[in-house]
Amino acid sequence: MRISIVIPTMTTKLLKKLVDSIIQYTSMDDLEFVIVANGAEEELKQYIINLKVQYNINVNLIWFDKPLGPVKA
């Protein structure tokens, strides 16, 4: 079974806390992250690249330049 975790975010700091916790307490088999960045800082893109390389995690990034708010994201 494939599990997708969809995370709307605007900040790398909060996203990092959440993802680190999931990595620590969850088996990463058949798990993917779908990150919806709406109005996020550019450093978030580098963090996503590092996740893919460092942890070999399946991460899909959906990027919006303007803040959408959590409901629309």
PDB file of N, CA and C in Angstrom:
ATOM      1  N   MET A   1       0.843  -1.173   0.000  1.00  0.00           N
ATOM      2  CA  MET A   1       0.000   0.000   0.000  1.00  0.00           C
ATOM      3  C   MET A   1       0.893   1.242   0.000  1.00  0.00           C
ATOM      4  N   ARG A   2       0.575   2.208  -0.824  1.00  0.00           N
ATOM      5  CA  ARG A   2       1.324   3.467  -0.893  1.00  0.00           C
ATOM      6  C   ARG A   2       0.608   4.503  -0.041  1.00  0.00           C
ATOM      7  N   ILE A   3       1.373   5.206   0.780  1.00  0.00           N
ATOM      8  CA  ILE A   3       0.821   6.245   1.652  1.00  0.00           C
ATOM      9  C   ILE A   3       1.382   7.588   1.228  1.00  0.00           C
ATOM     10  N   SER A   4       0.504   8.553   1.010  1.00  0.00           N
ATOM     11  CA  SER A   4       0.912   9.910   0.662  1.00  0.00           C
ATOM     12  C   SER A   4       0.574  10.830   1.825  1.00  0.00           C
ATOM     13  N   ILE A   5       1.554  11.612   2.230  1.00  0.00           N
ATOM     14  CA  ILE A   5       1.339  12.620   3.267  1.00  0.00           C
ATOM     15  C   ILE A   5       1.397  13.978   2.574  1.00  0.00           C
ATOM     16  N   VAL A   6       0.279  14.690   2.565  1.00  0.00           N
ATOM     17  CA  VAL A   6       0.184  15.988   1.913  1.00  0.00           C
ATOM     18  C   VAL A   6       0.389  17.063   2.975  1.00  0.00           C
ATOM     19  N   ILE A   7       1.364  17.937   2.743  1.00  0.00           N
ATOM     20  CA  ILE A   7       1.717  18.960   3.728  1.00  0.00           C
ATOM     21  C   ILE A   7       1.717  20.334   3.070  1.00  0.00           C
ATOM     22  N   PRO A   8       0.728  21.171   3.374  1.00  0.00           N
ATOM     23  CA  PRO A   8       0.806  22.565   2.922  1.00  0.00           C
ATOM     24  C   PRO A   8       1.740  23.323   3.857  1.00  0.00           C
ATOM     25  N   THR A   9       2.591  24.165   3.304  1.00  0.00           N
ATOM     26  CA  THR A   9       3.549  24.891   4.146  1.00  0.00           C
ATOM     27  C   THR A   9       3.949  26.217   3.524  1.00  0.00           C
ATOM     28  N   MET A  10       4.436  27.098   4.389  1.00  0.00           N
ATOM     29  CA  MET A  10       5.003  28.373   3.953  1.00  0.00           C
ATOM     30  C   MET A  10       6.420  28.537   4.476  1.00  0.00           C
ATOM     31  N   THR A  11       6.802  27.732   5.488  1.00  0.00           N
ATOM     32  CA  THR A  11       8.116  27.910   6.115  1.00  0.00           C
ATOM     33  C   THR A  11       8.897  26.608   6.149  1.00  0.00           C
ATOM     34  N   THR A  12      10.178  26.715   5.899  1.00  0.00           N
ATOM     35  CA  THR A  12      11.064  25.563   5.956  1.00  0.00           C
ATOM     36  C   THR A  12      11.219  25.082   7.391  1.00  0.00           C
ATOM     37  N   LYS A  13      11.289  25.998   8.334  1.00  0.00           N
ATOM     38  CA  LYS A  13      11.511  25.644   9.734  1.00  0.00           C
ATOM     39  C   LYS A  13      10.431  24.700  10.260  1.00  0.00           C
ATOM     40  N   LEU A  14       9.167  25.028  10.043  1.00  0.00           N
ATOM     41  CA  LEU A  14       8.083  24.172  10.529  1.00  0.00           C
ATOM     42  C   LEU A  14       8.011  22.865   9.745  1.00  0.00           C
ATOM     43  N   LEU A  15       8.240  22.926   8.450  1.00  0.00           N
ATOM     44  CA  LEU A  15       8.233  21.720   7.628  1.00  0.00           C
ATOM     45  C   LEU A  15       9.320  20.759   8.096  1.00  0.00           C
ATOM     46  N   LYS A  16      10.493  21.283   8.380  1.00  0.00           N
ATOM     47  CA  LYS A  16      11.615  20.445   8.820  1.00  0.00           C
ATOM     48  C   LYS A  16      11.269  19.712  10.117  1.00  0.00           C
ATOM     49  N   LYS A  17      10.658  20.395  11.072  1.00  0.00           N
ATOM     50  CA  LYS A  17      10.264  19.743  12.326  1.00  0.00           C
ATOM     51  C   LYS A  17       9.309  18.583  12.063  1.00  0.00           C
ATOM     52  N   LEU A  18       8.327  18.820  11.212  1.00  0.00           N
ATOM     53  CA  LEU A  18       7.335  17.798  10.905  1.00  0.00           C
ATOM     54  C   LEU A  18       7.965  16.607  10.191  1.00  0.00           C
ATOM     55  N   VAL A  19       8.734  16.865   9.160  1.00  0.00           N
ATOM     56  CA  VAL A  19       9.347  15.794   8.379  1.00  0.00           C
ATOM     57  C   VAL A  19      10.343  15.013   9.225  1.00  0.00           C
ATOM     58  N   ASP A  20      11.148  15.688  10.015  1.00  0.00           N
ATOM     59  CA  ASP A  20      12.103  14.993  10.891  1.00  0.00           C
ATOM     60  C   ASP A  20      11.384  14.037  11.836  1.00  0.00           C
ATOM     61  N   SER A  21      10.267  14.460  12.376  1.00  0.00           N
ATOM     62  CA  SER A  21       9.486  13.615  13.280  1.00  0.00           C
ATOM     63  C   SER A  21       8.927  12.396  12.543  1.00  0.00           C
ATOM     64  N   ILE A  22       8.417  12.606  11.358  1.00  0.00           N
ATOM     65  CA  ILE A  22       7.872  11.495  10.576  1.00  0.00           C
ATOM     66  C   ILE A  22       8.972  10.494  10.245  1.00  0.00           C
ATOM     67  N   ILE A  23      10.137  10.984   9.848  1.00  0.00           N
ATOM     68  CA  ILE A  23      11.264  10.104   9.527  1.00  0.00           C
ATOM     69  C   ILE A  23      11.681   9.306  10.759  1.00  0.00           C
ATOM     70  N   GLN A  24      11.705   9.958  11.899  1.00  0.00           N
ATOM     71  CA  GLN A  24      12.154   9.307  13.132  1.00  0.00           C
ATOM     72  C   GLN A  24      11.180   8.226  13.610  1.00  0.00           C
ATOM     73  N   TYR A  25       9.893   8.468  13.479  1.00  0.00           N
ATOM     74  CA  TYR A  25       8.900   7.582  14.086  1.00  0.00           C
ATOM     75  C   TYR A  25       8.095   6.730  13.107  1.00  0.00           C
ATOM     76  N   THR A  26       8.446   6.767  11.839  1.00  0.00           N
ATOM     77  CA  THR A  26       7.661   6.071  10.829  1.00  0.00           C
ATOM     78  C   THR A  26       8.568   5.252   9.924  1.00  0.00           C
ATOM     79  N   SER A  27       8.080   4.103   9.529  1.00  0.00           N
ATOM     80  CA  SER A  27       8.771   3.348   8.503  1.00  0.00           C
ATOM     81  C   SER A  27       8.551   4.078   7.180  1.00  0.00           C
ATOM     82  N   MET A  28       9.586   4.297   6.448  1.00  0.00           N
ATOM     83  CA  MET A  28       9.475   5.081   5.226  1.00  0.00           C
ATOM     84  C   MET A  28       9.142   4.226   4.007  1.00  0.00           C
ATOM     85  N   ASP A  29       8.877   2.928   4.217  1.00  0.00           N
ATOM     86  CA  ASP A  29       8.500   2.064   3.105  1.00  0.00           C
ATOM     87  C   ASP A  29       7.152   2.504   2.545  1.00  0.00           C
ATOM     88  N   ASP A  30       7.068   2.604   1.254  1.00  0.00           N
ATOM     89  CA  ASP A  30       5.823   2.965   0.572  1.00  0.00           C
ATOM     90  C   ASP A  30       5.238   4.295   1.035  1.00  0.00           C
ATOM     91  N   LEU A  31       6.080   5.228   1.381  1.00  0.00           N
ATOM     92  CA  LEU A  31       5.637   6.532   1.867  1.00  0.00           C
ATOM     93  C   LEU A  31       6.147   7.619   0.937  1.00  0.00           C
ATOM     94  N   GLU A  32       5.300   8.571   0.650  1.00  0.00           N
ATOM     95  CA  GLU A  32       5.723   9.722  -0.138  1.00  0.00           C
ATOM     96  C   GLU A  32       5.199  10.992   0.522  1.00  0.00           C
ATOM     97  N   PHE A  33       5.952  12.060   0.341  1.00  0.00           N
ATOM     98  CA  PHE A  33       5.521  13.378   0.792  1.00  0.00           C
ATOM     99  C   PHE A  33       5.073  14.179  -0.424  1.00  0.00           C
ATOM    100  N   VAL A  34       3.961  14.865  -0.285  1.00  0.00           N
ATOM    101  CA  VAL A  34       3.527  15.841  -1.276  1.00  0.00           C
ATOM    102  C   VAL A  34       3.543  17.179  -0.546  1.00  0.00           C
ATOM    103  N   ILE A  35       4.512  18.005  -0.871  1.00  0.00           N
ATOM    104  CA  ILE A  35       4.692  19.298  -0.218  1.00  0.00           C
ATOM    105  C   ILE A  35       4.056  20.360  -1.101  1.00  0.00           C
ATOM    106  N   VAL A  36       3.084  21.084  -0.552  1.00  0.00           N
ATOM    107  CA  VAL A  36       2.440  22.177  -1.275  1.00  0.00           C
ATOM    108  C   VAL A  36       2.964  23.469  -0.665  1.00  0.00           C
ATOM    109  N   ALA A  37       3.910  24.083  -1.352  1.00  0.00           N
ATOM    110  CA  ALA A  37       4.542  25.307  -0.869  1.00  0.00           C
ATOM    111  C   ALA A  37       3.797  26.489  -1.460  1.00  0.00           C
ATOM    112  N   ASN A  38       3.168  27.261  -0.596  1.00  0.00           N
ATOM    113  CA  ASN A  38       2.428  28.419  -1.094  1.00  0.00           C
ATOM    114  C   ASN A  38       2.957  29.675  -0.417  1.00  0.00           C
ATOM    115  N   GLY A  39       3.676  30.455  -1.221  1.00  0.00           N
ATOM    116  CA  GLY A  39       4.296  31.666  -0.698  1.00  0.00           C
ATOM    117  C   GLY A  39       5.513  31.374   0.162  1.00  0.00           C
ATOM    118  N   ALA A  40       6.151  30.234  -0.049  1.00  0.00           N
ATOM    119  CA  ALA A  40       7.297  29.819   0.773  1.00  0.00           C
ATOM    120  C   ALA A  40       8.582  30.498   0.313  1.00  0.00           C
ATOM    121  N   GLU A  41       9.559  30.497   1.226  1.00  0.00           N
ATOM    122  CA  GLU A  41      10.866  31.049   0.882  1.00  0.00           C
ATOM    123  C   GLU A  41      11.618  30.070  -0.021  1.00  0.00           C
ATOM    124  N   GLU A  42      12.543  30.592  -0.792  1.00  0.00           N
ATOM    125  CA  GLU A  42      13.283  29.794  -1.771  1.00  0.00           C
ATOM    126  C   GLU A  42      14.102  28.676  -1.130  1.00  0.00           C
ATOM    127  N   GLU A  43      14.538  28.842   0.114  1.00  0.00           N
ATOM    128  CA  GLU A  43      15.354  27.815   0.766  1.00  0.00           C
ATOM    129  C   GLU A  43      14.594  26.495   0.912  1.00  0.00           C
ATOM    130  N   LEU A  44      13.283  26.548   0.833  1.00  0.00           N
ATOM    131  CA  LEU A  44      12.481  25.333   0.926  1.00  0.00           C
ATOM    132  C   LEU A  44      12.803  24.387  -0.221  1.00  0.00           C
ATOM    133  N   LYS A  45      13.055  24.917  -1.397  1.00  0.00           N
ATOM    134  CA  LYS A  45      13.404  24.076  -2.548  1.00  0.00           C
ATOM    135  C   LYS A  45      14.682  23.291  -2.281  1.00  0.00           C
ATOM    136  N   GLN A  46      15.679  23.938  -1.690  1.00  0.00           N
ATOM    137  CA  GLN A  46      16.930  23.258  -1.374  1.00  0.00           C
ATOM    138  C   GLN A  46      16.719  22.182  -0.321  1.00  0.00           C
ATOM    139  N   TYR A  47      15.867  22.455   0.648  1.00  0.00           N
ATOM    140  CA  TYR A  47      15.560  21.465   1.673  1.00  0.00           C
ATOM    141  C   TYR A  47      14.926  20.218   1.054  1.00  0.00           C
ATOM    142  N   ILE A  48      14.035  20.398   0.101  1.00  0.00           N
ATOM    143  CA  ILE A  48      13.388  19.271  -0.582  1.00  0.00           C
ATOM    144  C   ILE A  48      14.421  18.451  -1.347  1.00  0.00           C
ATOM    145  N   ILE A  49      15.324  19.115  -2.032  1.00  0.00           N
ATOM    146  CA  ILE A  49      16.395  18.411  -2.759  1.00  0.00           C
ATOM    147  C   ILE A  49      17.230  17.593  -1.788  1.00  0.00           C
ATOM    148  N   ASN A  50      17.578  18.186  -0.637  1.00  0.00           N
ATOM    149  CA  ASN A  50      18.368  17.473   0.366  1.00  0.00           C
ATOM    150  C   ASN A  50      17.633  16.252   0.902  1.00  0.00           C
ATOM    151  N   LEU A  51      16.320  16.355   1.092  1.00  0.00           N
ATOM    152  CA  LEU A  51      15.539  15.197   1.541  1.00  0.00           C
ATOM    153  C   LEU A  51      15.655  14.049   0.552  1.00  0.00           C
ATOM    154  N   LYS A  52      15.527  14.381  -0.712  1.00  0.00           N
ATOM    155  CA  LYS A  52      15.591  13.348  -1.743  1.00  0.00           C
ATOM    156  C   LYS A  52      16.952  12.675  -1.769  1.00  0.00           C
ATOM    157  N   VAL A  53      18.014  13.464  -1.662  1.00  0.00           N
ATOM    158  CA  VAL A  53      19.378  12.936  -1.760  1.00  0.00           C
ATOM    159  C   VAL A  53      19.791  12.236  -0.463  1.00  0.00           C
ATOM    160  N   GLN A  54      19.599  12.896   0.662  1.00  0.00           N
ATOM    161  CA  GLN A  54      20.091  12.387   1.943  1.00  0.00           C
ATOM    162  C   GLN A  54      19.316  11.157   2.423  1.00  0.00           C
ATOM    163  N   TYR A  55      17.994  11.191   2.291  1.00  0.00           N
ATOM    164  CA  TYR A  55      17.167  10.116   2.837  1.00  0.00           C
ATOM    165  C   TYR A  55      16.537   9.218   1.771  1.00  0.00           C
ATOM    166  N   ASN A  56      16.749   9.558   0.505  1.00  0.00           N
ATOM    167  CA  ASN A  56      16.153   8.803  -0.595  1.00  0.00           C
ATOM    168  C   ASN A  56      14.633   8.696  -0.424  1.00  0.00           C
ATOM    169  N   ILE A  57      14.017   9.816  -0.108  1.00  0.00           N
ATOM    170  CA  ILE A  57      12.584   9.879   0.124  1.00  0.00           C
ATOM    171  C   ILE A  57      11.892  10.360  -1.148  1.00  0.00           C
ATOM    172  N   ASN A  58      10.751   9.779  -1.428  1.00  0.00           N
ATOM    173  CA  ASN A  58       9.951  10.220  -2.558  1.00  0.00           C
ATOM    174  C   ASN A  58       9.209  11.493  -2.144  1.00  0.00           C
ATOM    175  N   VAL A  59       9.598  12.629  -2.724  1.00  0.00           N
ATOM    176  CA  VAL A  59       8.996  13.915  -2.391  1.00  0.00           C
ATOM    177  C   VAL A  59       8.534  14.589  -3.676  1.00  0.00           C
ATOM    178  N   ASN A  60       7.280  14.995  -3.689  1.00  0.00           N
ATOM    179  CA  ASN A  60       6.745  15.772  -4.801  1.00  0.00           C
ATOM    180  C   ASN A  60       6.485  17.187  -4.290  1.00  0.00           C
ATOM    181  N   LEU A  61       7.017  18.168  -4.984  1.00  0.00           N
ATOM    182  CA  LEU A  61       6.854  19.563  -4.592  1.00  0.00           C
ATOM    183  C   LEU A  61       5.894  20.254  -5.550  1.00  0.00           C
ATOM    184  N   ILE A  62       4.868  20.854  -4.984  1.00  0.00           N
ATOM    185  CA  ILE A  62       3.934  21.688  -5.748  1.00  0.00           C
ATOM    186  C   ILE A  62       4.156  23.114  -5.261  1.00  0.00           C
ATOM    187  N   TRP A  63       4.570  23.991  -6.153  1.00  0.00           N
ATOM    188  CA  TRP A  63       5.024  25.325  -5.774  1.00  0.00           C
ATOM    189  C   TRP A  63       4.068  26.410  -6.275  1.00  0.00           C
ATOM    190  N   PHE A  64       3.661  27.279  -5.366  1.00  0.00           N
ATOM    191  CA  PHE A  64       2.895  28.480  -5.714  1.00  0.00           C
ATOM    192  C   PHE A  64       3.655  29.681  -5.175  1.00  0.00           C
ATOM    193  N   ASP A  65       3.903  30.669  -6.024  1.00  0.00           N
ATOM    194  CA  ASP A  65       4.663  31.840  -5.591  1.00  0.00           C
ATOM    195  C   ASP A  65       3.928  32.668  -4.542  1.00  0.00           C
ATOM    196  N   LYS A  66       2.605  32.735  -4.663  1.00  0.00           N
ATOM    197  CA  LYS A  66       1.818  33.567  -3.745  1.00  0.00           C
ATOM    198  C   LYS A  66       1.184  32.690  -2.663  1.00  0.00           C
ATOM    199  N   PRO A  67       1.010  33.245  -1.464  1.00  0.00           N
ATOM    200  CA  PRO A  67       0.347  32.503  -0.401  1.00  0.00           C
ATOM    201  C   PRO A  67      -1.123  32.220  -0.751  1.00  0.00           C
ATOM    202  N   LEU A  68      -1.499  30.967  -0.661  1.00  0.00           N
ATOM    203  CA  LEU A  68      -2.882  30.564  -0.948  1.00  0.00           C
ATOM    204  C   LEU A  68      -3.697  30.403   0.335  1.00  0.00           C
ATOM    205  N   GLY A  69      -2.999  30.161   1.412  1.00  0.00           N
ATOM    206  CA  GLY A  69      -3.669  29.789   2.649  1.00  0.00           C
ATOM    207  C   GLY A  69      -3.795  28.273   2.713  1.00  0.00           C
ATOM    208  N   PRO A  70      -3.945  27.702   3.897  1.00  0.00           N
ATOM    209  CA  PRO A  70      -3.929  26.241   4.030  1.00  0.00           C
ATOM    210  C   PRO A  70      -5.107  25.542   3.350  1.00  0.00           C
ATOM    211  N   VAL A  71      -6.254  26.166   3.279  1.00  0.00           N
ATOM    212  CA  VAL A  71      -7.419  25.505   2.692  1.00  0.00           C
ATOM    213  C   VAL A  71      -7.232  25.308   1.186  1.00  0.00           C
ATOM    214  N   LYS A  72      -6.860  26.350   0.472  1.00  0.00           N
ATOM    215  CA  LYS A  72      -6.655  26.241  -0.975  1.00  0.00           C
ATOM    216  C   LYS A  72      -5.444  25.360  -1.302  1.00  0.00           C
ATOM    217  N   ALA A  73      -4.404  25.464  -0.494  1.00  0.00           N
ATOM    218  CA  ALA A  73      -3.198  24.655  -0.735  1.00  0.00           C
ATOM    219  C   ALA A  73      -3.531  23.192  -0.619  1.00  0.00           C
TER     220      ALA A  73
END
